[in-house]
């Protein structure tokens, strides 16, 4: 489970003002995307919030993750290698009440 002000990679403390890890110096944006457990496939519908300094972007989407070999035409097995590629696809779903694809809340 991710903790606030803790680096999600090396588990060291992060500077609460900048979000940078005090050990590795990196700042990560964590995408908490619920995908099915089977790697590289699956779809689930959920709501997502993208925080900004002055508000939030909220949307519902069906999410899929596709993995494929860099040379998919020559690799019939499609084994995942360091040259493999992956993409996360958000298929936006309209809101049931407003029929809007996304909502922006500013504060």
C-alpha atoms as a PDB file:
ATOM      1  CA  UNK A   1       0.000   0.000   0.000  1.00  0.00           C
ATOM      2  CA  UNK A   2       1.299   3.448  -0.865  1.00  0.00           C
ATOM      3  CA  UNK A   3       1.910   5.907   1.931  1.00  0.00           C
ATOM      4  CA  UNK A   4       1.980   9.676   1.619  1.00  0.00           C
ATOM      5  CA  UNK A   5       5.477  11.211   1.675  1.00  0.00           C
ATOM      6  CA  UNK A   6       7.080   7.784   1.088  1.00  0.00           C
ATOM      7  CA  UNK A   7       8.819   7.000  -2.224  1.00  0.00           C
ATOM      8  CA  UNK A   8       6.882   4.170  -3.937  1.00  0.00           C
ATOM      9  CA  UNK A   9      10.109   2.696  -5.366  1.00  0.00           C
ATOM     10  CA  UNK A  10      12.819   2.836  -2.674  1.00  0.00           C
ATOM     11  CA  UNK A  11      10.497   3.415   0.336  1.00  0.00           C
ATOM     12  CA  UNK A  12      12.518   6.373   1.654  1.00  0.00           C
ATOM     13  CA  UNK A  13      10.966   9.616   2.864  1.00  0.00           C
ATOM     14  CA  UNK A  14       9.972  12.270   0.326  1.00  0.00           C
ATOM     15  CA  UNK A  15      10.310  16.000   0.844  1.00  0.00           C
ATOM     16  CA  UNK A  16       6.697  17.015   1.680  1.00  0.00           C
ATOM     17  CA  UNK A  17       7.172  20.376  -0.097  1.00  0.00           C
ATOM     18  CA  UNK A  18       8.529  19.056  -3.420  1.00  0.00           C
ATOM     19  CA  UNK A  19       7.525  15.376  -3.427  1.00  0.00           C
ATOM     20  CA  UNK A  20      11.111  14.363  -4.298  1.00  0.00           C
ATOM     21  CA  UNK A  21      12.578  11.279  -2.644  1.00  0.00           C
ATOM     22  CA  UNK A  22      15.340  12.112  -0.183  1.00  0.00           C
ATOM     23  CA  UNK A  23      17.361   9.063  -1.346  1.00  0.00           C
ATOM     24  CA  UNK A  24      16.857   8.620  -5.101  1.00  0.00           C
ATOM     25  CA  UNK A  25      15.840  12.240  -5.785  1.00  0.00           C
ATOM     26  CA  UNK A  26      12.953  11.230  -8.069  1.00  0.00           C
ATOM     27  CA  UNK A  27       9.356  12.387  -7.926  1.00  0.00           C
ATOM     28  CA  UNK A  28       6.759   9.821  -8.997  1.00  0.00           C
ATOM     29  CA  UNK A  29       3.168  10.346 -10.040  1.00  0.00           C
ATOM     30  CA  UNK A  30       1.329   7.203  -8.998  1.00  0.00           C
ATOM     31  CA  UNK A  31      -1.389   6.052 -11.401  1.00  0.00           C
ATOM     32  CA  UNK A  32      -3.725   3.892  -9.362  1.00  0.00           C
ATOM     33  CA  UNK A  33      -5.355   2.135 -12.307  1.00  0.00           C
ATOM     34  CA  UNK A  34      -7.377  -0.982 -11.479  1.00  0.00           C
ATOM     35  CA  UNK A  35      -6.537  -3.607 -14.111  1.00  0.00           C
ATOM     36  CA  UNK A  36      -7.335  -7.296 -13.874  1.00  0.00           C
ATOM     37  CA  UNK A  37      -4.552  -9.441 -12.440  1.00  0.00           C
ATOM     38  CA  UNK A  38      -3.694 -11.145 -15.750  1.00  0.00           C
ATOM     39  CA  UNK A  39      -0.887  -9.039 -17.229  1.00  0.00           C
ATOM     40  CA  UNK A  40      -1.361  -7.182 -20.487  1.00  0.00           C
ATOM     41  CA  UNK A  41      -5.089  -7.726 -20.849  1.00  0.00           C
ATOM     42  CA  UNK A  42      -8.380  -6.921 -19.222  1.00  0.00           C
ATOM     43  CA  UNK A  43     -11.002  -4.266 -18.874  1.00  0.00           C
ATOM     44  CA  UNK A  44     -12.655  -2.748 -15.864  1.00  0.00           C
ATOM     45  CA  UNK A  45     -14.872   0.337 -15.520  1.00  0.00           C
ATOM     46  CA  UNK A  46     -14.120   2.754 -12.735  1.00  0.00           C
ATOM     47  CA  UNK A  47     -13.933   6.455 -11.927  1.00  0.00           C
ATOM     48  CA  UNK A  48     -10.629   8.287 -12.082  1.00  0.00           C
ATOM     49  CA  UNK A  49      -9.446  11.546 -10.538  1.00  0.00           C
ATOM     50  CA  UNK A  50      -6.414  13.428 -11.834  1.00  0.00           C
ATOM     51  CA  UNK A  51      -5.407  16.040  -9.239  1.00  0.00           C
ATOM     52  CA  UNK A  52      -4.063  19.435 -10.267  1.00  0.00           C
ATOM     53  CA  UNK A  53      -2.806  22.240  -8.000  1.00  0.00           C
ATOM     54  CA  UNK A  54      -6.067  24.152  -8.443  1.00  0.00           C
ATOM     55  CA  UNK A  55      -8.630  21.367  -8.959  1.00  0.00           C
ATOM     56  CA  UNK A  56      -9.396  17.884 -10.249  1.00  0.00           C
ATOM     57  CA  UNK A  57     -10.267  16.210 -13.548  1.00  0.00           C
ATOM     58  CA  UNK A  58     -12.772  13.373 -13.011  1.00  0.00           C
ATOM     59  CA  UNK A  59     -13.885  10.797 -15.574  1.00  0.00           C
ATOM     60  CA  UNK A  60     -15.286   7.281 -15.907  1.00  0.00           C
ATOM     61  CA  UNK A  61     -13.495   4.929 -18.258  1.00  0.00           C
ATOM     62  CA  UNK A  62     -13.004   1.406 -19.382  1.00  0.00           C
ATOM     63  CA  UNK A  63      -9.274   0.700 -19.133  1.00  0.00           C
ATOM     64  CA  UNK A  64      -7.232  -1.763 -21.112  1.00  0.00           C
ATOM     65  CA  UNK A  65      -3.527  -2.415 -21.163  1.00  0.00           C
ATOM     66  CA  UNK A  66      -2.041  -3.835 -24.316  1.00  0.00           C
ATOM     67  CA  UNK A  67       1.435  -5.368 -24.480  1.00  0.00           C
ATOM     68  CA  UNK A  68       3.133  -6.440 -27.660  1.00  0.00           C
ATOM     69  CA  UNK A  69       6.586  -7.325 -28.861  1.00  0.00           C
ATOM     70  CA  UNK A  70       8.502  -4.567 -30.615  1.00  0.00           C
ATOM     71  CA  UNK A  71       8.710  -6.807 -33.692  1.00  0.00           C
ATOM     72  CA  UNK A  72       5.237  -8.384 -33.396  1.00  0.00           C
ATOM     73  CA  UNK A  73       5.158  -9.476 -37.030  1.00  0.00           C
ATOM     74  CA  UNK A  74       8.208 -11.746 -36.628  1.00  0.00           C
ATOM     75  CA  UNK A  75       7.601 -12.988 -33.082  1.00  0.00           C
ATOM     76  CA  UNK A  76       4.684 -15.425 -33.119  1.00  0.00           C
ATOM     77  CA  UNK A  77       5.011 -16.156 -29.378  1.00  0.00           C
ATOM     78  CA  UNK A  78       4.780 -12.458 -28.397  1.00  0.00           C
ATOM     79  CA  UNK A  79       6.999 -13.026 -25.378  1.00  0.00           C
ATOM     80  CA  UNK A  80       7.552  -9.910 -23.312  1.00  0.00           C
ATOM     81  CA  UNK A  81      11.159  -8.696 -23.672  1.00  0.00           C
ATOM     82  CA  UNK A  82      12.991  -5.467 -22.806  1.00  0.00           C
ATOM     83  CA  UNK A  83      12.084  -4.169 -26.276  1.00  0.00           C
ATOM     84  CA  UNK A  84       8.382  -4.915 -25.799  1.00  0.00           C
ATOM     85  CA  UNK A  85       5.895  -2.057 -25.800  1.00  0.00           C
ATOM     86  CA  UNK A  86       2.837  -1.411 -23.663  1.00  0.00           C
ATOM     87  CA  UNK A  87       0.069   1.137 -23.728  1.00  0.00           C
ATOM     88  CA  UNK A  88      -2.756   1.967 -21.360  1.00  0.00           C
ATOM     89  CA  UNK A  89      -5.976   2.959 -23.109  1.00  0.00           C
ATOM     90  CA  UNK A  90      -8.767   4.935 -21.428  1.00  0.00           C
ATOM     91  CA  UNK A  91     -12.092   4.543 -23.243  1.00  0.00           C
ATOM     92  CA  UNK A  92     -14.079   7.412 -21.712  1.00  0.00           C
ATOM     93  CA  UNK A  93     -17.650   6.614 -20.704  1.00  0.00           C
ATOM     94  CA  UNK A  94     -20.271   9.392 -20.482  1.00  0.00           C
ATOM     95  CA  UNK A  95     -21.629  10.292 -17.073  1.00  0.00           C
ATOM     96  CA  UNK A  96     -25.041   8.699 -16.462  1.00  0.00           C
ATOM     97  CA  UNK A  97     -26.651  11.975 -15.324  1.00  0.00           C
ATOM     98  CA  UNK A  98     -24.986  14.686 -17.404  1.00  0.00           C
ATOM     99  CA  UNK A  99     -23.736  12.668 -20.407  1.00  0.00           C
ATOM    100  CA  UNK A 100     -20.390  14.538 -20.052  1.00  0.00           C
ATOM    101  CA  UNK A 101     -17.169  12.640 -20.787  1.00  0.00           C
ATOM    102  CA  UNK A 102     -15.268  14.384 -17.994  1.00  0.00           C
ATOM    103  CA  UNK A 103     -15.759  17.009 -15.289  1.00  0.00           C
ATOM    104  CA  UNK A 104     -13.263  19.610 -14.105  1.00  0.00           C
ATOM    105  CA  UNK A 105     -13.577  20.902 -10.555  1.00  0.00           C
ATOM    106  CA  UNK A 106     -11.566  24.008  -9.690  1.00  0.00           C
ATOM    107  CA  UNK A 107     -10.943  25.365  -6.209  1.00  0.00           C
END
